[in-house]
């Protein structure tokens, strides 16, 4: 029989056992750590060096002499008053120099022959545009092509050498939460780099019939417009375009046009100066749960046909009011905006199989795509005040036999926007705004352009065989 150990010996044995166990655990942990991949932050330095030389600063040349202190910022920029207070008052006796160039935005090189992609709103009012490259050289630019419906423009500078160009990525492959960089010239401050993540995809902000924005919290400010949104592979995945802000500065909500929406437009803008789009000839709206149940659909998806234009490809193919388009040319249509984008990208003259749900059954029809005219207008109010709807002329949407009737027809309504909250629907015909008659698009543009921020607006609407008044208030 083995004699019992003394208490002190038992304590020493227990201590050594615990120490040995701790050592085993530590070694195992170190071994596991050595085989586990270590997470690290993105290499923004390398990305910045790679892409910054491909981003340009766009300004307009001076046209008049200023009677006040010169400022490198736009009149409505927050820094403009700061500049005048500190520099204008500091040298009151100095002669007034010519007005400086007005910084209007950013762009990036997409063709070695000097073609630069930017936003349409950056150049649409620009006279004598000046492009400054990363090497400091300046070049006069001309507008090679514009597409107001997607807010894209292509400008051209003459260069004696081939320029380096950006890599265009795949915006459809972007994931929410993915790191991105925004590069541009905010407030005239050249080649500014900011970082953030993709906050959301497929955002509709009432900018037009092809709303499909990437939302990011990478800082975007006035002057960033037209600059690239970059993924971690150094590829351009978006064109920085808009911000949501109550102060004019960044609050972490910026929007970029997906580069996949732009790729197919570049050759048309370069060769023809404009974009030709496919036309189906229907007025559509989203399908909600109640509509889906009423139509015998198991899921709320697709584009509900609210009207079919006379003489349109849709009419010729037998598309009917009440049909729900769920597939177009093999591509699924989840919501009405999907259909607008798919049809727009379809070549004119192409025959496409279109699947509709009609009386609870799936029916396939063949449609030969027509050419979309240039007469649709995207409604935008100056200074960012938006009604949240898109309108078109009566003749194109409702047929030539009523082309002399007054008004404009609502072709799209932004969800949760002012028009949507007021009860305005796709297919409504706007006859009056604030008791002013609307005879066509010209009247509509003029009257909408005069609307004041925060004002209440009264619409006279014709809906089917009745007329109604609807009121909305513009945001402040």
Protein backbone atom coordinates (compact mmCIF):
# COMPACT_ATOMS: atom_id res chain seq x y z
CA UNK A 1 0.00 0.00 0.00
CA UNK A 2 1.38 3.37 -1.10
CA UNK A 3 1.74 5.87 1.77
CA UNK A 4 -0.39 9.05 1.51
CA UNK A 5 1.43 12.21 0.37
CA UNK A 6 1.91 15.05 2.76
CA UNK A 7 -0.36 18.12 2.34
CA UNK A 8 2.51 20.31 1.17
CA UNK A 9 3.50 17.76 -1.47
CA UNK A 10 -0.10 17.53 -2.70
CA UNK A 11 -0.20 21.33 -3.11
CA UNK A 12 3.05 21.33 -5.11
CA UNK A 13 1.72 18.58 -7.36
CA UNK A 14 -1.54 20.50 -7.98
CA UNK A 15 0.37 23.72 -8.85
CA UNK A 16 2.62 21.90 -11.31
CA UNK A 17 -0.42 20.25 -12.92
CA UNK A 18 -2.17 23.57 -13.39
CA UNK A 19 1.00 25.18 -14.79
CA UNK A 20 1.45 22.32 -17.23
CA UNK A 21 -2.18 22.57 -18.40
CA UNK A 22 -1.85 26.32 -18.91
CA UNK A 23 1.32 25.82 -20.96
CA UNK A 24 -0.44 23.27 -23.18
CA UNK A 25 -3.36 25.63 -23.77
CA UNK A 26 -1.02 28.54 -24.58
CA UNK A 27 1.00 26.51 -27.07
CA UNK A 28 -2.18 25.23 -28.74
CA UNK A 29 -3.52 28.77 -29.01
CA UNK A 30 -0.31 30.07 -30.54
CA UNK A 31 -0.28 27.19 -33.00
CA UNK A 32 -3.89 27.87 -34.04
CA UNK A 33 -3.22 31.61 -34.38
CA UNK A 34 -0.29 30.91 -36.68
CA UNK A 35 -2.56 28.95 -39.06
CA UNK A 36 -5.54 31.36 -38.97
CA UNK A 37 -5.51 34.13 -41.64
CA UNK A 38 -4.98 37.55 -40.08
CA UNK A 39 -7.46 40.29 -40.96
CA UNK A 40 -6.01 43.61 -42.05
CA UNK A 41 -7.30 46.95 -43.31
CA UNK A 42 -7.42 47.59 -47.06
CA UNK A 43 -4.34 49.09 -48.66
CA UNK A 44 -5.82 52.51 -49.40
CA UNK A 45 -2.36 54.00 -50.07
CA UNK A 46 -1.68 51.73 -53.05
CA UNK A 47 -5.22 52.13 -54.37
CA UNK A 48 -4.99 55.90 -54.15
CA UNK A 49 -1.66 56.00 -56.00
CA UNK A 50 -3.09 53.71 -58.66
CA UNK A 51 -6.31 55.61 -59.39
CA UNK A 52 -5.71 59.29 -58.56
CA UNK A 53 -3.73 59.98 -61.78
CA UNK A 54 -6.80 58.86 -63.76
CA UNK A 55 -9.18 61.35 -62.11
CA UNK A 56 -9.54 64.88 -63.49
CA UNK A 57 -10.78 68.23 -62.22
CA UNK A 58 -13.40 69.98 -64.39
CA UNK A 59 -13.94 73.73 -64.23
CA UNK A 60 -15.39 76.46 -66.42
CA UNK A 61 -13.21 79.31 -67.61
CA UNK A 62 -13.79 82.92 -66.42
CA UNK A 63 -16.34 84.92 -68.37
CA UNK A 64 -16.93 88.11 -66.37
CA UNK A 65 -15.10 90.27 -63.86
CA UNK A 66 -16.15 90.04 -60.26
CA UNK A 67 -16.88 93.07 -58.12
CA UNK A 68 -16.05 91.22 -54.91
CA UNK A 69 -13.15 89.25 -53.55
CA UNK A 70 -12.32 86.24 -55.73
CA UNK A 71 -13.16 82.82 -54.38
CA UNK A 72 -12.28 79.38 -55.70
CA UNK A 73 -15.61 78.08 -54.46
CA UNK A 74 -19.11 78.25 -55.93
CA UNK A 75 -21.35 81.03 -54.67
CA UNK A 76 -23.54 78.59 -52.75
CA UNK A 77 -20.66 76.68 -51.17
CA UNK A 78 -20.10 77.08 -47.40
CA UNK A 79 -16.42 77.98 -47.91
CA UNK A 80 -17.26 80.88 -50.25
CA UNK A 81 -18.28 83.25 -47.43
CA UNK A 82 -15.33 82.09 -45.32
CA UNK A 83 -12.91 82.93 -48.14
CA UNK A 84 -14.32 86.43 -48.68
CA UNK A 85 -14.35 87.30 -44.97
CA UNK A 86 -10.74 86.34 -44.38
CA UNK A 87 -9.08 87.15 -47.70
CA UNK A 88 -11.37 89.70 -49.32
CA UNK A 89 -11.39 92.04 -46.32
CA UNK A 90 -7.70 91.53 -45.72
CA UNK A 91 -6.69 93.27 -48.93
CA UNK A 92 -9.45 95.84 -49.53
CA UNK A 93 -7.28 98.16 -51.62
CA UNK A 94 -6.13 95.47 -54.04
CA UNK A 95 -7.37 95.78 -57.62
CA UNK A 96 -10.15 93.34 -58.48
CA UNK A 97 -8.72 90.53 -60.60
CA UNK A 98 -10.74 88.59 -63.16
CA UNK A 99 -13.15 86.01 -61.75
CA UNK A 100 -11.49 82.68 -61.07
CA UNK A 101 -12.57 79.54 -62.77
CA UNK A 102 -15.65 77.96 -61.31
CA UNK A 103 -15.07 74.42 -60.10
CA UNK A 104 -17.92 72.32 -61.47
CA UNK A 105 -16.95 68.73 -60.74
CA UNK A 106 -14.83 65.69 -61.44
CA UNK A 107 -14.38 63.03 -64.08
CA UNK A 108 -12.18 60.06 -65.00
CA UNK A 109 -10.40 58.93 -68.14
CA UNK A 110 -12.09 56.03 -69.96
CA UNK A 111 -10.33 56.21 -73.34
CA UNK A 112 -6.62 56.82 -74.08
CA UNK A 113 -7.58 59.30 -76.82
CA UNK A 114 -8.81 61.80 -74.24
CA UNK A 115 -12.42 60.79 -73.53
CA UNK A 116 -13.51 61.51 -69.95
CA UNK A 117 -16.67 60.30 -68.22
CA UNK A 118 -18.55 62.63 -65.87
CA UNK A 119 -22.10 63.62 -64.88
CA UNK A 120 -24.38 65.41 -67.29
CA UNK A 121 -25.27 67.98 -64.62
CA UNK A 122 -21.56 68.83 -64.34
CA UNK A 123 -21.32 69.99 -67.97
CA UNK A 124 -24.85 70.78 -69.13
CA UNK A 125 -24.46 74.51 -68.40
CA UNK A 126 -20.72 74.61 -68.87
CA UNK A 127 -19.16 77.03 -71.34
CA UNK A 128 -15.44 76.79 -72.14
CA UNK A 129 -14.84 73.73 -70.00
CA UNK A 130 -11.31 73.24 -68.68
CA UNK A 131 -9.96 69.82 -67.67
CA UNK A 132 -6.97 69.62 -65.33
CA UNK A 133 -5.07 66.35 -65.35
CA UNK A 134 -3.16 64.91 -62.41
CA UNK A 135 0.14 66.12 -63.89
CA UNK A 136 -1.12 69.72 -63.66
CA UNK A 137 -1.64 70.22 -67.41
CA UNK A 138 -4.85 71.93 -68.48
CA UNK A 139 -6.89 71.29 -71.61
CA UNK A 140 -10.02 72.78 -73.13
CA UNK A 141 -12.78 70.22 -73.41
CA UNK A 142 -15.82 69.76 -75.60
CA UNK A 143 -18.92 67.72 -74.84
CA UNK A 144 -18.85 64.60 -77.01
CA UNK A 145 -22.17 63.19 -75.83
CA UNK A 146 -24.78 63.56 -73.10
CA UNK A 147 -27.54 61.41 -71.65
CA UNK A 148 -29.72 63.42 -69.24
CA UNK A 149 -31.86 60.39 -68.37
CA UNK A 150 -28.97 58.68 -66.60
CA UNK A 151 -27.07 61.93 -65.82
CA UNK A 152 -24.01 60.77 -67.78
CA UNK A 153 -21.82 62.79 -70.13
CA UNK A 154 -18.68 62.12 -72.14
CA UNK A 155 -16.25 64.97 -72.75
CA UNK A 156 -13.17 65.06 -75.00
CA UNK A 157 -9.80 66.74 -74.71
CA UNK A 158 -7.09 66.79 -77.39
CA UNK A 159 -3.86 65.16 -76.26
CA UNK A 160 -0.62 64.36 -78.05
CA UNK A 161 -0.08 61.10 -76.16
CA UNK A 162 -2.16 58.15 -75.08
CA UNK A 163 -3.59 58.64 -71.60
CA UNK A 164 -3.84 55.95 -68.91
CA UNK A 165 -7.41 54.78 -68.35
CA UNK A 166 -9.42 53.39 -65.46
CA UNK A 167 -10.48 49.75 -65.14
CA UNK A 168 -14.25 49.33 -65.25
CA UNK A 169 -15.51 46.76 -62.74
CA UNK A 170 -18.76 44.87 -62.23
CA UNK A 171 -21.18 46.84 -60.09
CA UNK A 172 -23.58 43.88 -59.96
CA UNK A 173 -20.95 41.94 -57.99
CA UNK A 174 -20.77 44.61 -55.26
CA UNK A 175 -21.84 43.47 -51.81
CA UNK A 176 -23.40 45.62 -49.12
CA UNK A 177 -20.66 46.26 -46.55
CA UNK A 178 -17.85 46.14 -49.12
CA UNK A 179 -15.09 48.77 -48.86
CA UNK A 180 -15.04 51.51 -51.51
CA UNK A 181 -13.09 54.71 -52.24
CA UNK A 182 -14.49 57.96 -53.64
CA UNK A 183 -12.09 60.26 -55.49
CA UNK A 184 -12.89 63.77 -56.69
CA UNK A 185 -12.62 67.50 -56.10
CA UNK A 186 -15.03 68.43 -53.28
CA UNK A 187 -15.41 72.21 -52.82
CA UNK A 188 -12.68 72.67 -55.43
CA UNK A 189 -10.10 70.77 -53.35
CA UNK A 190 -8.39 68.67 -56.00
CA UNK A 191 -7.79 64.90 -55.85
CA UNK A 192 -9.44 64.23 -52.51
CA UNK A 193 -9.73 60.57 -51.48
CA UNK A 194 -12.36 59.32 -49.01
CA UNK A 195 -13.24 55.80 -47.92
CA UNK A 196 -16.36 54.03 -46.77
CA UNK A 197 -18.54 51.03 -47.49
CA UNK A 198 -21.42 50.16 -49.77
CA UNK A 199 -24.43 51.01 -47.62
CA UNK A 200 -27.13 49.73 -49.99
CA UNK A 201 -27.83 48.90 -53.62
CA UNK A 202 -30.73 49.57 -55.97
CA UNK A 203 -31.69 52.86 -54.33
CA UNK A 204 -34.41 54.92 -56.03
CA UNK A 205 -34.08 58.64 -55.25
CA UNK A 206 -36.43 60.16 -57.83
CA UNK A 207 -33.66 61.14 -60.23
CA UNK A 208 -35.38 59.64 -63.27
CA UNK A 209 -36.80 56.57 -64.98
CA UNK A 210 -33.55 54.62 -64.58
CA UNK A 211 -33.02 55.08 -60.84
CA UNK A 212 -30.78 52.32 -59.53
CA UNK A 213 -28.15 53.94 -57.30
CA UNK A 214 -25.38 52.56 -55.10
CA UNK A 215 -25.57 54.15 -51.64
CA UNK A 216 -22.29 54.72 -49.82
CA UNK A 217 -21.04 56.45 -46.69
CA UNK A 218 -17.74 57.39 -48.36
CA UNK A 219 -17.71 61.19 -48.09
CA UNK A 220 -19.18 62.81 -51.22
CA UNK A 221 -19.58 66.59 -51.35
CA UNK A 222 -20.29 69.27 -53.97
CA UNK A 223 -17.51 68.95 -56.55
CA UNK A 224 -17.30 65.16 -56.23
CA UNK A 225 -19.95 64.77 -58.94
CA UNK A 226 -18.62 62.76 -61.86
CA UNK A 227 -15.76 61.21 -59.91
CA UNK A 228 -15.26 57.44 -59.59
CA UNK A 229 -16.33 55.06 -56.85
CA UNK A 230 -13.57 52.43 -56.59
CA UNK A 231 -13.56 48.88 -55.20
CA UNK A 232 -10.56 47.27 -53.50
CA UNK A 233 -9.31 45.89 -56.81
CA UNK A 234 -8.89 49.41 -58.15
CA UNK A 235 -11.88 49.08 -60.49
CA UNK A 236 -14.51 51.76 -61.03
CA UNK A 237 -17.87 50.43 -59.87
CA UNK A 238 -19.84 53.68 -59.86
CA UNK A 239 -20.00 57.35 -60.83
CA UNK A 240 -20.46 59.61 -57.78
CA UNK A 241 -23.55 61.66 -58.50
CA UNK A 242 -25.67 62.87 -55.59
CA UNK A 243 -25.85 63.34 -51.83
CA UNK A 244 -28.65 63.46 -49.33
CA UNK A 245 -28.03 66.46 -47.10
CA UNK A 246 -29.89 69.16 -45.23
CA UNK A 247 -26.82 71.38 -44.98
CA UNK A 248 -25.14 70.93 -48.36
CA UNK A 249 -22.30 68.89 -46.83
CA UNK A 250 -21.80 65.17 -46.44
CA UNK A 251 -23.78 63.37 -43.73
CA UNK A 252 -22.83 59.84 -44.74
CA UNK A 253 -25.43 59.28 -47.45
CA UNK A 254 -24.09 59.52 -51.00
CA UNK A 255 -25.22 57.95 -54.26
CA UNK A 256 -23.34 56.64 -57.29
CA UNK A 257 -24.57 55.44 -60.68
CA UNK A 258 -23.66 51.74 -61.11
CA UNK A 259 -20.96 51.39 -63.74
CA UNK A 260 -22.83 48.51 -65.39
CA UNK A 261 -25.55 51.00 -66.32
CA UNK A 262 -22.91 53.17 -68.00
CA UNK A 263 -20.78 50.63 -69.87
CA UNK A 264 -23.25 50.07 -72.69
CA UNK A 265 -23.69 53.81 -73.23
CA UNK A 266 -20.06 54.82 -73.76
CA UNK A 267 -19.75 53.78 -77.41
CA UNK A 268 -23.05 55.49 -78.30
CA UNK A 269 -22.05 58.70 -76.56
CA UNK A 270 -18.66 58.68 -78.30
CA UNK A 271 -19.94 57.80 -81.79
CA UNK A 272 -23.39 59.40 -81.89
CA UNK A 273 -23.41 61.98 -79.09
CA UNK A 274 -26.59 60.53 -77.56
CA UNK A 275 -28.14 57.26 -76.44
CA UNK A 276 -30.71 55.25 -78.39
CA UNK A 277 -32.95 53.09 -76.19
CA UNK A 278 -35.44 50.35 -76.71
CA UNK A 279 -39.17 51.10 -76.37
CA UNK A 280 -41.93 48.74 -75.29
CA UNK A 281 -44.77 51.25 -75.01
CA UNK A 282 -46.41 50.53 -71.66
CA UNK A 283 -47.16 52.49 -68.52
CA UNK A 284 -46.25 50.27 -65.58
CA UNK A 285 -46.35 50.22 -61.81
CA UNK A 286 -45.13 47.96 -59.00
CA UNK A 287 -47.19 45.02 -57.78
CA UNK A 288 -48.08 45.14 -54.08
CA UNK A 289 -49.38 42.26 -51.96
CA UNK A 290 -53.04 43.20 -52.44
CA UNK A 291 -52.69 43.45 -56.21
CA UNK A 292 -50.82 40.14 -56.36
CA UNK A 293 -53.60 38.39 -54.43
CA UNK A 294 -56.29 39.90 -56.64
CA UNK A 295 -54.47 38.75 -59.77
CA UNK A 296 -53.95 35.23 -58.47
CA UNK A 297 -50.19 35.59 -58.03
CA UNK A 298 -48.39 33.88 -55.19
CA UNK A 299 -45.73 36.57 -54.87
CA UNK A 300 -45.77 40.37 -55.20
CA UNK A 301 -43.38 40.84 -58.10
CA UNK A 302 -43.27 42.06 -61.67
CA UNK A 303 -44.44 45.16 -63.52
CA UNK A 304 -48.20 45.73 -63.73
CA UNK A 305 -49.29 47.16 -67.09
CA UNK A 306 -51.51 50.20 -66.41
CA UNK A 307 -51.67 51.40 -70.03
CA UNK A 308 -50.58 50.31 -73.49
CA UNK A 309 -49.64 52.99 -76.03
CA UNK A 310 -51.43 52.96 -79.37
CA UNK A 311 -49.24 51.71 -82.17
CA UNK A 312 -46.56 50.54 -79.74
CA UNK A 313 -44.55 47.29 -79.87
CA UNK A 314 -46.47 46.10 -76.80
CA UNK A 315 -49.83 46.61 -78.50
CA UNK A 316 -48.65 44.83 -81.64
CA UNK A 317 -47.53 41.86 -79.51
CA UNK A 318 -50.87 41.64 -77.69
CA UNK A 319 -49.80 42.91 -74.28
CA UNK A 320 -52.93 43.90 -72.34
CA UNK A 321 -53.78 46.28 -69.51
CA UNK A 322 -53.73 44.22 -66.32
CA UNK A 323 -50.92 41.94 -67.48
CA UNK A 324 -48.02 41.56 -65.07
CA UNK A 325 -44.67 41.34 -66.85
CA UNK A 326 -42.49 38.93 -64.83
CA UNK A 327 -39.79 38.08 -67.37
CA UNK A 328 -38.23 39.93 -70.30
CA UNK A 329 -35.80 38.22 -72.66
CA UNK A 330 -34.93 35.62 -70.03
CA UNK A 331 -34.29 38.22 -67.29
CA UNK A 332 -36.53 38.21 -64.22
CA UNK A 333 -38.56 41.37 -63.58
CA UNK A 334 -38.95 41.82 -59.82
CA UNK A 335 -40.25 45.40 -59.89
CA UNK A 336 -41.28 47.99 -62.46
CA UNK A 337 -37.92 49.78 -62.42
CA UNK A 338 -36.23 46.51 -63.48
CA UNK A 339 -38.30 46.48 -66.66
CA UNK A 340 -37.43 50.08 -67.52
CA UNK A 341 -33.72 49.33 -67.27
CA UNK A 342 -33.88 46.06 -69.22
CA UNK A 343 -35.98 47.48 -72.07
CA UNK A 344 -33.75 50.55 -72.33
CA UNK A 345 -30.69 48.33 -72.86
CA UNK A 346 -32.40 46.18 -75.51
CA UNK A 347 -31.38 46.79 -79.12
CA UNK A 348 -33.97 48.42 -81.36
CA UNK A 349 -35.52 45.83 -83.68
CA UNK A 350 -34.68 42.84 -81.52
CA UNK A 351 -37.44 40.25 -81.00
CA UNK A 352 -37.81 39.34 -77.34
CA UNK A 353 -39.90 36.76 -75.48
CA UNK A 354 -41.89 38.48 -72.74
CA UNK A 355 -43.59 36.43 -70.02
CA UNK A 356 -46.74 37.90 -68.47
CA UNK A 357 -49.16 36.68 -65.83
CA UNK A 358 -52.68 36.99 -67.26
CA UNK A 359 -55.74 35.72 -65.39
CA UNK A 360 -53.50 33.67 -63.13
CA UNK A 361 -51.65 31.95 -65.99
CA UNK A 362 -48.22 32.57 -67.47
CA UNK A 363 -48.36 33.62 -71.13
CA UNK A 364 -45.37 34.24 -73.42
CA UNK A 365 -45.60 36.86 -76.17
CA UNK A 366 -43.05 37.93 -78.77
CA UNK A 367 -42.26 41.66 -78.93
CA UNK A 368 -40.19 43.46 -81.55
CA UNK A 369 -38.59 46.35 -79.62
CA UNK A 370 -39.06 49.86 -80.98
CA UNK A 371 -37.02 53.02 -80.54
CA UNK A 372 -37.68 55.27 -77.54
CA UNK A 373 -38.21 58.91 -78.51
CA UNK A 374 -36.42 61.84 -76.95
CA UNK A 375 -39.55 63.53 -75.60
CA UNK A 376 -39.75 62.06 -72.10
CA UNK A 377 -38.68 64.47 -69.36
CA UNK A 378 -37.37 63.68 -65.89
CA UNK A 379 -38.92 66.09 -63.41
CA UNK A 380 -36.34 67.86 -61.26
CA UNK A 381 -36.78 71.07 -59.33
CA UNK A 382 -33.85 73.40 -58.85
CA UNK A 383 -31.79 73.21 -55.66
CA UNK A 384 -32.72 69.58 -55.05
CA UNK A 385 -36.46 70.09 -54.46
CA UNK A 386 -38.07 67.10 -56.14
CA UNK A 387 -41.67 66.23 -56.81
CA UNK A 388 -40.74 62.58 -57.02
CA UNK A 389 -42.35 61.75 -60.35
CA UNK A 390 -41.58 61.42 -64.05
CA UNK A 391 -43.90 62.62 -66.82
CA UNK A 392 -44.18 62.21 -70.58
CA UNK A 393 -46.21 63.84 -73.35
CA UNK A 394 -49.75 62.68 -73.98
CA UNK A 395 -49.15 61.60 -77.58
CA UNK A 396 -46.41 59.08 -76.86
CA UNK A 397 -48.03 57.43 -73.87
CA UNK A 398 -51.71 57.38 -74.81
CA UNK A 399 -51.76 57.34 -78.58
CA UNK A 400 -51.79 59.73 -81.55
CA UNK A 401 -55.56 60.12 -81.64
CA UNK A 402 -55.44 62.29 -78.48
CA UNK A 403 -52.18 64.10 -79.19
CA UNK A 404 -53.89 67.51 -79.02
CA UNK A 405 -55.32 66.97 -75.55
CA UNK A 406 -53.85 69.03 -72.73
CA UNK A 407 -51.68 67.85 -69.88
CA UNK A 408 -48.77 65.52 -69.25
CA UNK A 409 -49.04 61.90 -68.21
CA UNK A 410 -47.31 60.51 -65.09
CA UNK A 411 -45.02 57.65 -66.16
CA UNK A 412 -43.28 56.91 -62.84
CA UNK A 413 -43.71 57.82 -59.16
CA UNK A 414 -40.92 57.62 -56.58
CA UNK A 415 -41.98 55.43 -53.63
CA UNK A 416 -42.48 57.51 -50.47
CA UNK A 417 -41.73 60.70 -52.42
CA UNK A 418 -43.91 63.83 -52.26
CA UNK A 419 -46.03 62.79 -55.26
CA UNK A 420 -46.52 59.28 -53.89
CA UNK A 421 -47.56 60.60 -50.49
CA UNK A 422 -50.05 62.94 -52.17
CA UNK A 423 -51.71 60.01 -53.93
CA UNK A 424 -50.51 60.71 -57.49
CA UNK A 425 -50.38 57.51 -59.56
CA UNK A 426 -48.79 56.27 -62.75
CA UNK A 427 -51.20 57.01 -65.61
CA UNK A 428 -52.61 60.18 -64.02
CA UNK A 429 -52.77 63.18 -66.35
CA UNK A 430 -51.69 66.49 -64.80
CA UNK A 431 -53.91 69.29 -66.12
CA UNK A 432 -53.01 72.13 -63.73
CA UNK A 433 -50.40 73.01 -61.12
CA UNK A 434 -51.39 75.76 -58.69
CA UNK A 435 -54.31 76.68 -61.02
CA UNK A 436 -51.95 77.17 -63.97
CA UNK A 437 -52.86 75.23 -67.09
CA UNK A 438 -50.48 72.54 -68.37
CA UNK A 439 -50.73 72.19 -72.13
CA UNK A 440 -47.56 70.17 -72.52
CA UNK A 441 -44.02 69.54 -71.35
CA UNK A 442 -42.91 73.14 -71.93
CA UNK A 443 -45.54 74.48 -69.51
CA UNK A 444 -44.74 71.75 -67.03
CA UNK A 445 -41.00 72.51 -66.99
CA UNK A 446 -41.60 76.22 -66.59
CA UNK A 447 -44.13 75.97 -63.76
CA UNK A 448 -42.19 73.31 -61.84
CA UNK A 449 -39.05 75.43 -62.11
CA UNK A 450 -40.82 78.28 -60.32
CA UNK A 451 -41.89 76.24 -57.30
CA UNK A 452 -40.49 77.42 -53.97
CA UNK A 453 -38.88 75.23 -51.31
CA UNK A 454 -41.41 74.13 -48.70
CA UNK A 455 -44.39 75.42 -50.66
CA UNK A 456 -47.75 73.69 -50.88
CA UNK A 457 -48.78 72.73 -54.43
CA UNK A 458 -52.26 71.97 -55.79
CA UNK A 459 -52.59 69.56 -58.72
CA UNK A 460 -55.62 69.09 -60.94
CA UNK A 461 -55.50 65.46 -62.08
CA UNK A 462 -57.55 63.57 -64.65
CA UNK A 463 -57.81 59.94 -63.62
CA UNK A 464 -59.78 57.75 -66.01
CA UNK A 465 -63.11 59.56 -66.50
CA UNK A 466 -62.91 61.87 -63.50
CA UNK A 467 -60.90 64.90 -62.39
CA UNK A 468 -59.62 65.34 -58.85
CA UNK A 469 -57.50 67.81 -56.88
CA UNK A 470 -54.45 66.54 -54.98
CA UNK A 471 -52.08 68.60 -52.83
CA UNK A 472 -48.48 68.03 -51.77
CA UNK A 473 -45.81 70.01 -49.98
CA UNK A 474 -42.23 70.22 -51.21
CA UNK A 475 -39.53 69.49 -48.63
CA UNK A 476 -37.64 72.47 -47.23
